[in-house]
């Protein structure tokens, strides 16, 4: 069976601590739950680890942990996006992923 895939985008106005804390929390939780994971960050240093169209298309779950409208957001127009706050991702990434999984069953 193919491994499940999760992609996420984390962005805030400053793009400093909270962006990367949320990205790390989502990455760690996704790996713990058995996902291949890639997280794009958008902030003061621009777009890092940019998600490709193929990665987005192949994802079982797409999460946006954002405090601003992400750049190049039209890439996600054809997909179901789960939008959460950065603090939610930092505090409860595993619970959020599990909640999304239960909605998709």
PDB file of N, CA and C in Angstrom:
ATOM      1  N   UNK A   1       0.841  -1.189   0.000  1.00  0.00           N
ATOM      2  CA  UNK A   1       0.000   0.000   0.000  1.00  0.00           C
ATOM      3  C   UNK A   1       0.883   1.248   0.000  1.00  0.00           C
ATOM      4  N   UNK A   2       0.529   2.208  -0.828  1.00  0.00           N
ATOM      5  CA  UNK A   2       1.309   3.442  -0.913  1.00  0.00           C
ATOM      6  C   UNK A   2       1.160   4.240   0.374  1.00  0.00           C
ATOM      7  N   UNK A   3       2.234   4.905   0.716  1.00  0.00           N
ATOM      8  CA  UNK A   3       2.214   5.739   1.904  1.00  0.00           C
ATOM      9  C   UNK A   3       1.319   6.952   1.662  1.00  0.00           C
ATOM     10  N   UNK A   4       0.605   7.364   2.696  1.00  0.00           N
ATOM     11  CA  UNK A   4      -0.236   8.549   2.597  1.00  0.00           C
ATOM     12  C   UNK A   4       0.661   9.780   2.471  1.00  0.00           C
ATOM     13  N   UNK A   5       0.138  10.798   1.781  1.00  0.00           N
ATOM     14  CA  UNK A   5       0.910  12.022   1.582  1.00  0.00           C
ATOM     15  C   UNK A   5       0.155  13.216   2.161  1.00  0.00           C
ATOM     16  N   UNK A   6       0.911  14.063   2.845  1.00  0.00           N
ATOM     17  CA  UNK A   6       0.365  15.287   3.412  1.00  0.00           C
ATOM     18  C   UNK A   6       1.279  16.426   2.994  1.00  0.00           C
ATOM     19  N   UNK A   7       0.674  17.492   2.496  1.00  0.00           N
ATOM     20  CA  UNK A   7       1.435  18.716   2.229  1.00  0.00           C
ATOM     21  C   UNK A   7       0.802  19.833   3.030  1.00  0.00           C
ATOM     22  N   UNK A   8       1.636  20.781   3.406  1.00  0.00           N
ATOM     23  CA  UNK A   8       1.145  21.917   4.187  1.00  0.00           C
ATOM     24  C   UNK A   8       1.847  23.180   3.733  1.00  0.00           C
ATOM     25  N   UNK A   9       1.183  24.289   3.976  1.00  0.00           N
ATOM     26  CA  UNK A   9       1.746  25.595   3.702  1.00  0.00           C
ATOM     27  C   UNK A   9       1.581  26.413   4.971  1.00  0.00           C
ATOM     28  N   UNK A  10       2.668  26.983   5.461  1.00  0.00           N
ATOM     29  CA  UNK A  10       2.636  27.809   6.666  1.00  0.00           C
ATOM     30  C   UNK A  10       3.084  29.216   6.300  1.00  0.00           C
ATOM     31  N   UNK A  11       2.295  30.213   6.695  1.00  0.00           N
ATOM     32  CA  UNK A  11       2.630  31.587   6.347  1.00  0.00           C
ATOM     33  C   UNK A  11       2.070  32.553   7.382  1.00  0.00           C
ATOM     34  N   UNK A  12       2.885  33.556   7.731  1.00  0.00           N
ATOM     35  CA  UNK A  12       2.394  34.661   8.546  1.00  0.00           C
ATOM     36  C   UNK A  12       3.080  35.940   8.087  1.00  0.00           C
ATOM     37  N   UNK A  13       2.621  37.045   8.613  1.00  0.00           N
ATOM     38  CA  UNK A  13       3.105  38.335   8.122  1.00  0.00           C
ATOM     39  C   UNK A  13       4.609  38.492   8.265  1.00  0.00           C
ATOM     40  N   UNK A  14       5.146  38.077   9.380  1.00  0.00           N
ATOM     41  CA  UNK A  14       6.587  38.198   9.583  1.00  0.00           C
ATOM     42  C   UNK A  14       7.329  36.997   9.004  1.00  0.00           C
ATOM     43  N   UNK A  15       6.703  35.839   9.089  1.00  0.00           N
ATOM     44  CA  UNK A  15       7.336  34.636   8.549  1.00  0.00           C
ATOM     45  C   UNK A  15       8.574  34.237   9.323  1.00  0.00           C
ATOM     46  N   UNK A  16       8.519  34.437  10.614  1.00  0.00           N
ATOM     47  CA  UNK A  16       9.670  34.085  11.440  1.00  0.00           C
ATOM     48  C   UNK A  16       9.294  32.903  12.325  1.00  0.00           C
ATOM     49  N   UNK A  17       9.331  33.071  13.597  1.00  0.00           N
ATOM     50  CA  UNK A  17       9.212  31.951  14.535  1.00  0.00           C
ATOM     51  C   UNK A  17       7.954  31.113  14.338  1.00  0.00           C
ATOM     52  N   UNK A  18       6.768  31.737  14.317  1.00  0.00           N
ATOM     53  CA  UNK A  18       5.537  30.954  14.287  1.00  0.00           C
ATOM     54  C   UNK A  18       5.402  30.143  13.005  1.00  0.00           C
ATOM     55  N   UNK A  19       5.811  30.700  11.890  1.00  0.00           N
ATOM     56  CA  UNK A  19       5.744  29.963  10.624  1.00  0.00           C
ATOM     57  C   UNK A  19       6.534  28.663  10.737  1.00  0.00           C
ATOM     58  N   UNK A  20       7.740  28.756  11.251  1.00  0.00           N
ATOM     59  CA  UNK A  20       8.610  27.582  11.300  1.00  0.00           C
ATOM     60  C   UNK A  20       8.232  26.630  12.435  1.00  0.00           C
ATOM     61  N   UNK A  21       7.705  27.176  13.520  1.00  0.00           N
ATOM     62  CA  UNK A  21       7.219  26.307  14.605  1.00  0.00           C
ATOM     63  C   UNK A  21       6.024  25.488  14.125  1.00  0.00           C
ATOM     64  N   UNK A  22       5.113  26.127  13.398  1.00  0.00           N
ATOM     65  CA  UNK A  22       3.948  25.420  12.865  1.00  0.00           C
ATOM     66  C   UNK A  22       4.388  24.378  11.843  1.00  0.00           C
ATOM     67  N   UNK A  23       5.319  24.746  10.976  1.00  0.00           N
ATOM     68  CA  UNK A  23       5.816  23.815   9.960  1.00  0.00           C
ATOM     69  C   UNK A  23       6.436  22.583  10.612  1.00  0.00           C
ATOM     70  N   UNK A  24       7.243  22.805  11.634  1.00  0.00           N
ATOM     71  CA  UNK A  24       7.900  21.689  12.318  1.00  0.00           C
ATOM     72  C   UNK A  24       6.882  20.799  13.028  1.00  0.00           C
ATOM     73  N   UNK A  25       5.901  21.419  13.673  1.00  0.00           N
ATOM     74  CA  UNK A  25       4.884  20.654  14.381  1.00  0.00           C
ATOM     75  C   UNK A  25       4.080  19.785  13.412  1.00  0.00           C
ATOM     76  N   UNK A  26       3.694  20.348  12.276  1.00  0.00           N
ATOM     77  CA  UNK A  26       2.931  19.583  11.288  1.00  0.00           C
ATOM     78  C   UNK A  26       3.775  18.462  10.699  1.00  0.00           C
ATOM     79  N   UNK A  27       5.034  18.760  10.415  1.00  0.00           N
ATOM     80  CA  UNK A  27       5.925  17.744   9.847  1.00  0.00           C
ATOM     81  C   UNK A  27       6.110  16.584  10.822  1.00  0.00           C
ATOM     82  N   UNK A  28       6.389  16.898  12.077  1.00  0.00           N
ATOM     83  CA  UNK A  28       6.606  15.858  13.086  1.00  0.00           C
ATOM     84  C   UNK A  28       5.350  15.004  13.282  1.00  0.00           C
ATOM     85  N   UNK A  29       4.190  15.663  13.377  1.00  0.00           N
ATOM     86  CA  UNK A  29       2.934  14.936  13.604  1.00  0.00           C
ATOM     87  C   UNK A  29       2.596  14.056  12.401  1.00  0.00           C
ATOM     88  N   UNK A  30       2.777  14.579  11.204  1.00  0.00           N
ATOM     89  CA  UNK A  30       2.465  13.806   9.994  1.00  0.00           C
ATOM     90  C   UNK A  30       3.347  12.565   9.902  1.00  0.00           C
ATOM     91  N   UNK A  31       4.631  12.731  10.176  1.00  0.00           N
ATOM     92  CA  UNK A  31       5.546  11.581  10.139  1.00  0.00           C
ATOM     93  C   UNK A  31       5.138  10.539  11.181  1.00  0.00           C
ATOM     94  N   UNK A  32       4.792  11.012  12.374  1.00  0.00           N
ATOM     95  CA  UNK A  32       4.381  10.104  13.449  1.00  0.00           C
ATOM     96  C   UNK A  32       3.135   9.305  13.047  1.00  0.00           C
ATOM     97  N   UNK A  33       2.267   9.927  12.242  1.00  0.00           N
ATOM     98  CA  UNK A  33       1.037   9.276  11.814  1.00  0.00           C
ATOM     99  C   UNK A  33       1.201   8.506  10.496  1.00  0.00           C
ATOM    100  N   UNK A  34       2.436   8.406  10.010  1.00  0.00           N
ATOM    101  CA  UNK A  34       2.714   7.564   8.857  1.00  0.00           C
ATOM    102  C   UNK A  34       2.626   8.228   7.497  1.00  0.00           C
ATOM    103  N   UNK A  35       2.716   9.536   7.452  1.00  0.00           N
ATOM    104  CA  UNK A  35       2.639  10.261   6.185  1.00  0.00           C
ATOM    105  C   UNK A  35       4.022  10.584   5.628  1.00  0.00           C
ATOM    106  N   UNK A  36       4.105  10.598   4.284  1.00  0.00           N
ATOM    107  CA  UNK A  36       5.168  11.323   3.610  1.00  0.00           C
ATOM    108  C   UNK A  36       4.714  12.774   3.688  1.00  0.00           C
ATOM    109  N   UNK A  37       5.607  13.669   4.045  1.00  0.00           N
ATOM    110  CA  UNK A  37       5.174  15.045   4.283  1.00  0.00           C
ATOM    111  C   UNK A  37       6.162  16.038   3.683  1.00  0.00           C
ATOM    112  N   UNK A  38       5.597  17.140   3.189  1.00  0.00           N
ATOM    113  CA  UNK A  38       6.410  18.276   2.751  1.00  0.00           C
ATOM    114  C   UNK A  38       5.666  19.539   3.170  1.00  0.00           C
ATOM    115  N   UNK A  39       6.415  20.481   3.752  1.00  0.00           N
ATOM    116  CA  UNK A  39       5.818  21.721   4.231  1.00  0.00           C
ATOM    117  C   UNK A  39       6.517  22.905   3.575  1.00  0.00           C
ATOM    118  N   UNK A  40       5.722  23.739   2.922  1.00  0.00           N
ATOM    119  CA  UNK A  40       6.220  24.984   2.334  1.00  0.00           C
ATOM    120  C   UNK A  40       6.048  26.094   3.360  1.00  0.00           C
ATOM    121  N   UNK A  41       7.038  26.969   3.475  1.00  0.00           N
ATOM    122  CA  UNK A  41       6.908  28.132   4.346  1.00  0.00           C
ATOM    123  C   UNK A  41       6.979  29.403   3.511  1.00  0.00           C
ATOM    124  N   UNK A  42       6.216  30.395   3.940  1.00  0.00           N
ATOM    125  CA  UNK A  42       6.230  31.706   3.298  1.00  0.00           C
ATOM    126  C   UNK A  42       6.377  32.752   4.387  1.00  0.00           C
ATOM    127  N   UNK A  43       7.387  33.598   4.214  1.00  0.00           N
ATOM    128  CA  UNK A  43       7.603  34.637   5.214  1.00  0.00           C
ATOM    129  C   UNK A  43       8.626  35.646   4.764  1.00  0.00           C
ATOM    130  N   UNK A  44       9.347  36.168   5.732  1.00  0.00           N
ATOM    131  CA  UNK A  44      10.306  37.238   5.484  1.00  0.00           C
ATOM    132  C   UNK A  44      11.372  36.835   4.468  1.00  0.00           C
ATOM    133  N   UNK A  45      11.695  35.544   4.409  1.00  0.00           N
ATOM    134  CA  UNK A  45      12.727  35.082   3.475  1.00  0.00           C
ATOM    135  C   UNK A  45      12.116  34.502   2.200  1.00  0.00           C
ATOM    136  N   UNK A  46      10.864  34.864   1.908  1.00  0.00           N
ATOM    137  CA  UNK A  46      10.222  34.404   0.687  1.00  0.00           C
ATOM    138  C   UNK A  46       9.646  33.002   0.846  1.00  0.00           C
ATOM    139  N   UNK A  47       9.478  32.325  -0.277  1.00  0.00           N
ATOM    140  CA  UNK A  47       8.920  30.972  -0.276  1.00  0.00           C
ATOM    141  C   UNK A  47      10.068  29.981  -0.169  1.00  0.00           C
ATOM    142  N   UNK A  48       9.970  29.109   0.822  1.00  0.00           N
ATOM    143  CA  UNK A  48      10.978  28.066   1.026  1.00  0.00           C
ATOM    144  C   UNK A  48      10.311  26.705   0.884  1.00  0.00           C
ATOM    145  N   UNK A  49      11.032  25.755   0.288  1.00  0.00           N
ATOM    146  CA  UNK A  49      10.545  24.371   0.168  1.00  0.00           C
ATOM    147  C   UNK A  49       9.229  24.352  -0.618  1.00  0.00           C
ATOM    148  N   UNK A  50       9.185  25.101  -1.723  1.00  0.00           N
ATOM    149  CA  UNK A  50       7.950  25.302  -2.481  1.00  0.00           C
ATOM    150  C   UNK A  50       7.344  23.984  -2.959  1.00  0.00           C
ATOM    151  N   UNK A  51       6.042  23.861  -2.765  1.00  0.00           N
ATOM    152  CA  UNK A  51       5.309  22.670  -3.199  1.00  0.00           C
ATOM    153  C   UNK A  51       5.126  22.706  -4.716  1.00  0.00           C
ATOM    154  N   UNK A  52       5.362  21.584  -5.359  1.00  0.00           N
ATOM    155  CA  UNK A  52       5.177  21.497  -6.811  1.00  0.00           C
ATOM    156  C   UNK A  52       3.727  21.137  -7.115  1.00  0.00           C
ATOM    157  N   UNK A  53       3.271  21.389  -8.331  1.00  0.00           N
ATOM    158  CA  UNK A  53       1.915  20.974  -8.710  1.00  0.00           C
ATOM    159  C   UNK A  53       1.703  19.468  -8.515  1.00  0.00           C
ATOM    160  N   UNK A  54       2.691  18.661  -8.808  1.00  0.00           N
ATOM    161  CA  UNK A  54       2.564  17.206  -8.629  1.00  0.00           C
ATOM    162  C   UNK A  54       2.409  16.843  -7.158  1.00  0.00           C
ATOM    163  N   UNK A  55       3.192  17.478  -6.298  1.00  0.00           N
ATOM    164  CA  UNK A  55       3.090  17.189  -4.854  1.00  0.00           C
ATOM    165  C   UNK A  55       1.707  17.560  -4.322  1.00  0.00           C
ATOM    166  N   UNK A  56       1.181  18.672  -4.798  1.00  0.00           N
ATOM    167  CA  UNK A  56      -0.151  19.101  -4.367  1.00  0.00           C
ATOM    168  C   UNK A  56      -1.193  18.107  -4.867  1.00  0.00           C
ATOM    169  N   UNK A  57      -1.093  17.709  -6.126  1.00  0.00           N
ATOM    170  CA  UNK A  57      -2.066  16.793  -6.728  1.00  0.00           C
ATOM    171  C   UNK A  57      -2.056  15.419  -6.065  1.00  0.00           C
ATOM    172  N   UNK A  58      -0.894  14.967  -5.612  1.00  0.00           N
ATOM    173  CA  UNK A  58      -0.765  13.634  -5.028  1.00  0.00           C
ATOM    174  C   UNK A  58      -1.130  13.585  -3.545  1.00  0.00           C
ATOM    175  N   UNK A  59      -1.326  14.745  -2.929  1.00  0.00           N
ATOM    176  CA  UNK A  59      -1.540  14.794  -1.482  1.00  0.00           C
ATOM    177  C   UNK A  59      -2.909  14.247  -1.093  1.00  0.00           C
ATOM    178  N   UNK A  60      -2.920  13.459  -0.022  1.00  0.00           N
ATOM    179  CA  UNK A  60      -4.170  12.994   0.564  1.00  0.00           C
ATOM    180  C   UNK A  60      -4.793  14.079   1.435  1.00  0.00           C
ATOM    181  N   UNK A  61      -3.936  14.878   2.070  1.00  0.00           N
ATOM    182  CA  UNK A  61      -4.383  15.979   2.930  1.00  0.00           C
ATOM    183  C   UNK A  61      -3.549  17.212   2.604  1.00  0.00           C
ATOM    184  N   UNK A  62      -4.224  18.351   2.472  1.00  0.00           N
ATOM    185  CA  UNK A  62      -3.547  19.635   2.258  1.00  0.00           C
ATOM    186  C   UNK A  62      -3.976  20.565   3.387  1.00  0.00           C
ATOM    187  N   UNK A  63      -2.997  21.049   4.135  1.00  0.00           N
ATOM    188  CA  UNK A  63      -3.265  21.950   5.262  1.00  0.00           C
ATOM    189  C   UNK A  63      -2.605  23.297   5.003  1.00  0.00           C
ATOM    190  N   UNK A  64      -3.346  24.358   5.249  1.00  0.00           N
ATOM    191  CA  UNK A  64      -2.784  25.705   5.266  1.00  0.00           C
ATOM    192  C   UNK A  64      -2.861  26.204   6.708  1.00  0.00           C
ATOM    193  N   UNK A  65      -1.699  26.397   7.323  1.00  0.00           N
ATOM    194  CA  UNK A  65      -1.630  27.012   8.646  1.00  0.00           C
ATOM    195  C   UNK A  65      -1.153  28.438   8.405  1.00  0.00           C
ATOM    196  N   UNK A  66      -2.097  29.366   8.372  1.00  0.00           N
ATOM    197  CA  UNK A  66      -1.773  30.701   7.879  1.00  0.00           C
ATOM    198  C   UNK A  66      -2.397  31.809   8.729  1.00  0.00           C
ATOM    199  N   UNK A  67      -1.731  32.959   8.691  1.00  0.00           N
ATOM    200  CA  UNK A  67      -2.257  34.175   9.300  1.00  0.00           C
ATOM    201  C   UNK A  67      -2.424  35.257   8.236  1.00  0.00           C
ATOM    202  N   UNK A  68      -2.040  34.927   6.995  1.00  0.00           N
ATOM    203  CA  UNK A  68      -2.174  35.829   5.849  1.00  0.00           C
ATOM    204  C   UNK A  68      -2.585  34.990   4.642  1.00  0.00           C
ATOM    205  N   UNK A  69      -3.008  35.659   3.573  1.00  0.00           N
ATOM    206  CA  UNK A  69      -3.296  34.936   2.328  1.00  0.00           C
ATOM    207  C   UNK A  69      -1.956  34.522   1.709  1.00  0.00           C
ATOM    208  N   UNK A  70      -1.770  33.239   1.439  1.00  0.00           N
ATOM    209  CA  UNK A  70      -0.497  32.777   0.884  1.00  0.00           C
ATOM    210  C   UNK A  70      -0.269  33.288  -0.533  1.00  0.00           C
ATOM    211  N   UNK A  71       0.996  33.401  -0.903  1.00  0.00           N
ATOM    212  CA  UNK A  71       1.371  33.730  -2.280  1.00  0.00           C
ATOM    213  C   UNK A  71       1.097  32.521  -3.167  1.00  0.00           C
ATOM    214  N   UNK A  72       0.787  32.778  -4.421  1.00  0.00           N
ATOM    215  CA  UNK A  72       0.538  31.714  -5.408  1.00  0.00           C
ATOM    216  C   UNK A  72      -0.551  30.747  -4.938  1.00  0.00           C
ATOM    217  N   UNK A  73      -1.539  31.275  -4.261  1.00  0.00           N
ATOM    218  CA  UNK A  73      -2.584  30.443  -3.673  1.00  0.00           C
ATOM    219  C   UNK A  73      -3.445  29.748  -4.721  1.00  0.00           C
ATOM    220  N   UNK A  74      -3.453  30.273  -5.949  1.00  0.00           N
ATOM    221  CA  UNK A  74      -4.268  29.668  -7.010  1.00  0.00           C
ATOM    222  C   UNK A  74      -3.846  28.229  -7.313  1.00  0.00           C
ATOM    223  N   UNK A  75      -2.642  27.848  -6.909  1.00  0.00           N
ATOM    224  CA  UNK A  75      -2.182  26.461  -7.102  1.00  0.00           C
ATOM    225  C   UNK A  75      -3.109  25.462  -6.427  1.00  0.00           C
ATOM    226  N   UNK A  76      -3.834  25.917  -5.419  1.00  0.00           N
ATOM    227  CA  UNK A  76      -4.653  25.029  -4.598  1.00  0.00           C
ATOM    228  C   UNK A  76      -6.142  25.090  -4.942  1.00  0.00           C
ATOM    229  N   UNK A  77      -6.512  25.870  -5.951  1.00  0.00           N
ATOM    230  CA  UNK A  77      -7.927  26.115  -6.254  1.00  0.00           C
ATOM    231  C   UNK A  77      -8.741  24.851  -6.496  1.00  0.00           C
ATOM    232  N   UNK A  78      -8.155  23.838  -7.071  1.00  0.00           N
ATOM    233  CA  UNK A  78      -8.900  22.627  -7.436  1.00  0.00           C
ATOM    234  C   UNK A  78      -8.967  21.599  -6.300  1.00  0.00           C
ATOM    235  N   UNK A  79      -8.460  21.937  -5.129  1.00  0.00           N
ATOM    236  CA  UNK A  79      -8.321  20.950  -4.057  1.00  0.00           C
ATOM    237  C   UNK A  79      -9.039  21.382  -2.783  1.00  0.00           C
ATOM    238  N   UNK A  80      -9.350  20.386  -1.950  1.00  0.00           N
ATOM    239  CA  UNK A  80      -9.891  20.671  -0.621  1.00  0.00           C
ATOM    240  C   UNK A  80      -8.735  21.054   0.295  1.00  0.00           C
ATOM    241  N   UNK A  81      -8.839  22.226   0.881  1.00  0.00           N
ATOM    242  CA  UNK A  81      -7.800  22.744   1.775  1.00  0.00           C
ATOM    243  C   UNK A  81      -8.373  22.811   3.187  1.00  0.00           C
ATOM    244  N   UNK A  82      -7.607  22.356   4.143  1.00  0.00           N
ATOM    245  CA  UNK A  82      -7.972  22.507   5.546  1.00  0.00           C
ATOM    246  C   UNK A  82      -7.174  23.678   6.079  1.00  0.00           C
ATOM    247  N   UNK A  83      -7.868  24.792   6.353  1.00  0.00           N
ATOM    248  CA  UNK A  83      -7.178  25.992   6.821  1.00  0.00           C
ATOM    249  C   UNK A  83      -7.294  26.089   8.338  1.00  0.00           C
ATOM    250  N   UNK A  84      -6.156  26.251   8.967  1.00  0.00           N
ATOM    251  CA  UNK A  84      -6.084  26.353  10.429  1.00  0.00           C
ATOM    252  C   UNK A  84      -5.188  27.528  10.793  1.00  0.00           C
ATOM    253  N   UNK A  85      -5.231  27.920  12.041  1.00  0.00           N
ATOM    254  CA  UNK A  85      -4.351  28.976  12.517  1.00  0.00           C
ATOM    255  C   UNK A  85      -2.970  28.423  12.848  1.00  0.00           C
ATOM    256  N   UNK A  86      -1.991  29.290  12.815  1.00  0.00           N
ATOM    257  CA  UNK A  86      -0.629  28.868  13.149  1.00  0.00           C
ATOM    258  C   UNK A  86      -0.548  28.320  14.570  1.00  0.00           C
ATOM    259  N   UNK A  87      -1.223  28.982  15.509  1.00  0.00           N
ATOM    260  CA  UNK A  87      -1.186  28.524  16.902  1.00  0.00           C
ATOM    261  C   UNK A  87      -1.796  27.138  17.044  1.00  0.00           C
ATOM    262  N   UNK A  88      -2.867  26.879  16.281  1.00  0.00           N
ATOM    263  CA  UNK A  88      -3.497  25.554  16.329  1.00  0.00           C
ATOM    264  C   UNK A  88      -2.506  24.488  15.867  1.00  0.00           C
ATOM    265  N   UNK A  89      -1.780  24.795  14.801  1.00  0.00           N
ATOM    266  CA  UNK A  89      -0.793  23.841  14.290  1.00  0.00           C
ATOM    267  C   UNK A  89       0.308  23.598  15.306  1.00  0.00           C
ATOM    268  N   UNK A  90       0.759  24.658  15.947  1.00  0.00           N
ATOM    269  CA  UNK A  90       1.843  24.540  16.925  1.00  0.00           C
ATOM    270  C   UNK A  90       1.388  23.710  18.127  1.00  0.00           C
ATOM    271  N   UNK A  91       0.166  23.968  18.599  1.00  0.00           N
ATOM    272  CA  UNK A  91      -0.307  23.341  19.832  1.00  0.00           C
ATOM    273  C   UNK A  91      -0.883  21.944  19.639  1.00  0.00           C
ATOM    274  N   UNK A  92      -1.451  21.656  18.435  1.00  0.00           N
ATOM    275  CA  UNK A  92      -2.209  20.411  18.301  1.00  0.00           C
ATOM    276  C   UNK A  92      -2.150  19.834  16.888  1.00  0.00           C
ATOM    277  N   UNK A  93      -0.985  19.804  16.289  1.00  0.00           N
ATOM    278  CA  UNK A  93      -0.870  19.327  14.906  1.00  0.00           C
ATOM    279  C   UNK A  93      -1.374  17.899  14.757  1.00  0.00           C
ATOM    280  N   UNK A  94      -0.996  17.019  15.658  1.00  0.00           N
ATOM    281  CA  UNK A  94      -1.404  15.616  15.560  1.00  0.00           C
ATOM    282  C   UNK A  94      -2.917  15.492  15.658  1.00  0.00           C
ATOM    283  N   UNK A  95      -3.516  16.176  16.614  1.00  0.00           N
ATOM    284  CA  UNK A  95      -4.966  16.129  16.779  1.00  0.00           C
ATOM    285  C   UNK A  95      -5.696  16.656  15.556  1.00  0.00           C
ATOM    286  N   UNK A  96      -5.176  17.699  14.947  1.00  0.00           N
ATOM    287  CA  UNK A  96      -5.801  18.273  13.751  1.00  0.00           C
ATOM    288  C   UNK A  96      -5.740  17.281  12.592  1.00  0.00           C
ATOM    289  N   UNK A  97      -4.596  16.647  12.391  1.00  0.00           N
ATOM    290  CA  UNK A  97      -4.470  15.657  11.315  1.00  0.00           C
ATOM    291  C   UNK A  97      -5.429  14.492  11.559  1.00  0.00           C
ATOM    292  N   UNK A  98      -5.512  14.036  12.795  1.00  0.00           N
ATOM    293  CA  UNK A  98      -6.423  12.935  13.116  1.00  0.00           C
ATOM    294  C   UNK A  98      -7.883  13.345  12.897  1.00  0.00           C
ATOM    295  N   UNK A  99      -8.209  14.585  13.217  1.00  0.00           N
ATOM    296  CA  UNK A  99      -9.568  15.083  13.006  1.00  0.00           C
ATOM    297  C   UNK A  99      -9.894  15.110  11.500  1.00  0.00           C
ATOM    298  N   UNK A 100      -8.946  15.555  10.682  1.00  0.00           N
ATOM    299  CA  UNK A 100      -9.138  15.564   9.234  1.00  0.00           C
ATOM    300  C   UNK A 100      -9.332  14.133   8.730  1.00  0.00           C
ATOM    301  N   UNK A 101      -8.514  13.215   9.213  1.00  0.00           N
ATOM    302  CA  UNK A 101      -8.646  11.805   8.809  1.00  0.00           C
ATOM    303  C   UNK A 101     -10.033  11.276   9.126  1.00  0.00           C
ATOM    304  N   UNK A 102     -10.559  11.606  10.299  1.00  0.00           N
ATOM    305  CA  UNK A 102     -11.882  11.094  10.702  1.00  0.00           C
ATOM    306  C   UNK A 102     -12.985  11.701   9.828  1.00  0.00           C
ATOM    307  N   UNK A 103     -12.810  12.916   9.329  1.00  0.00           N
ATOM    308  CA  UNK A 103     -13.798  13.537   8.445  1.00  0.00           C
ATOM    309  C   UNK A 103     -13.777  12.884   7.071  1.00  0.00           C
ATOM    310  N   UNK A 104     -12.633  12.358   6.680  1.00  0.00           N
ATOM    311  CA  UNK A 104     -12.488  11.793   5.334  1.00  0.00           C
ATOM    312  C   UNK A 104     -12.903  10.326   5.278  1.00  0.00           C
ATOM    313  N   UNK A 105     -13.070   9.701   6.419  1.00  0.00           N
ATOM    314  CA  UNK A 105     -13.452   8.273   6.426  1.00  0.00           C
ATOM    315  C   UNK A 105     -14.907   8.091   6.020  1.00  0.00           C
TER     316      UNK A 105
END
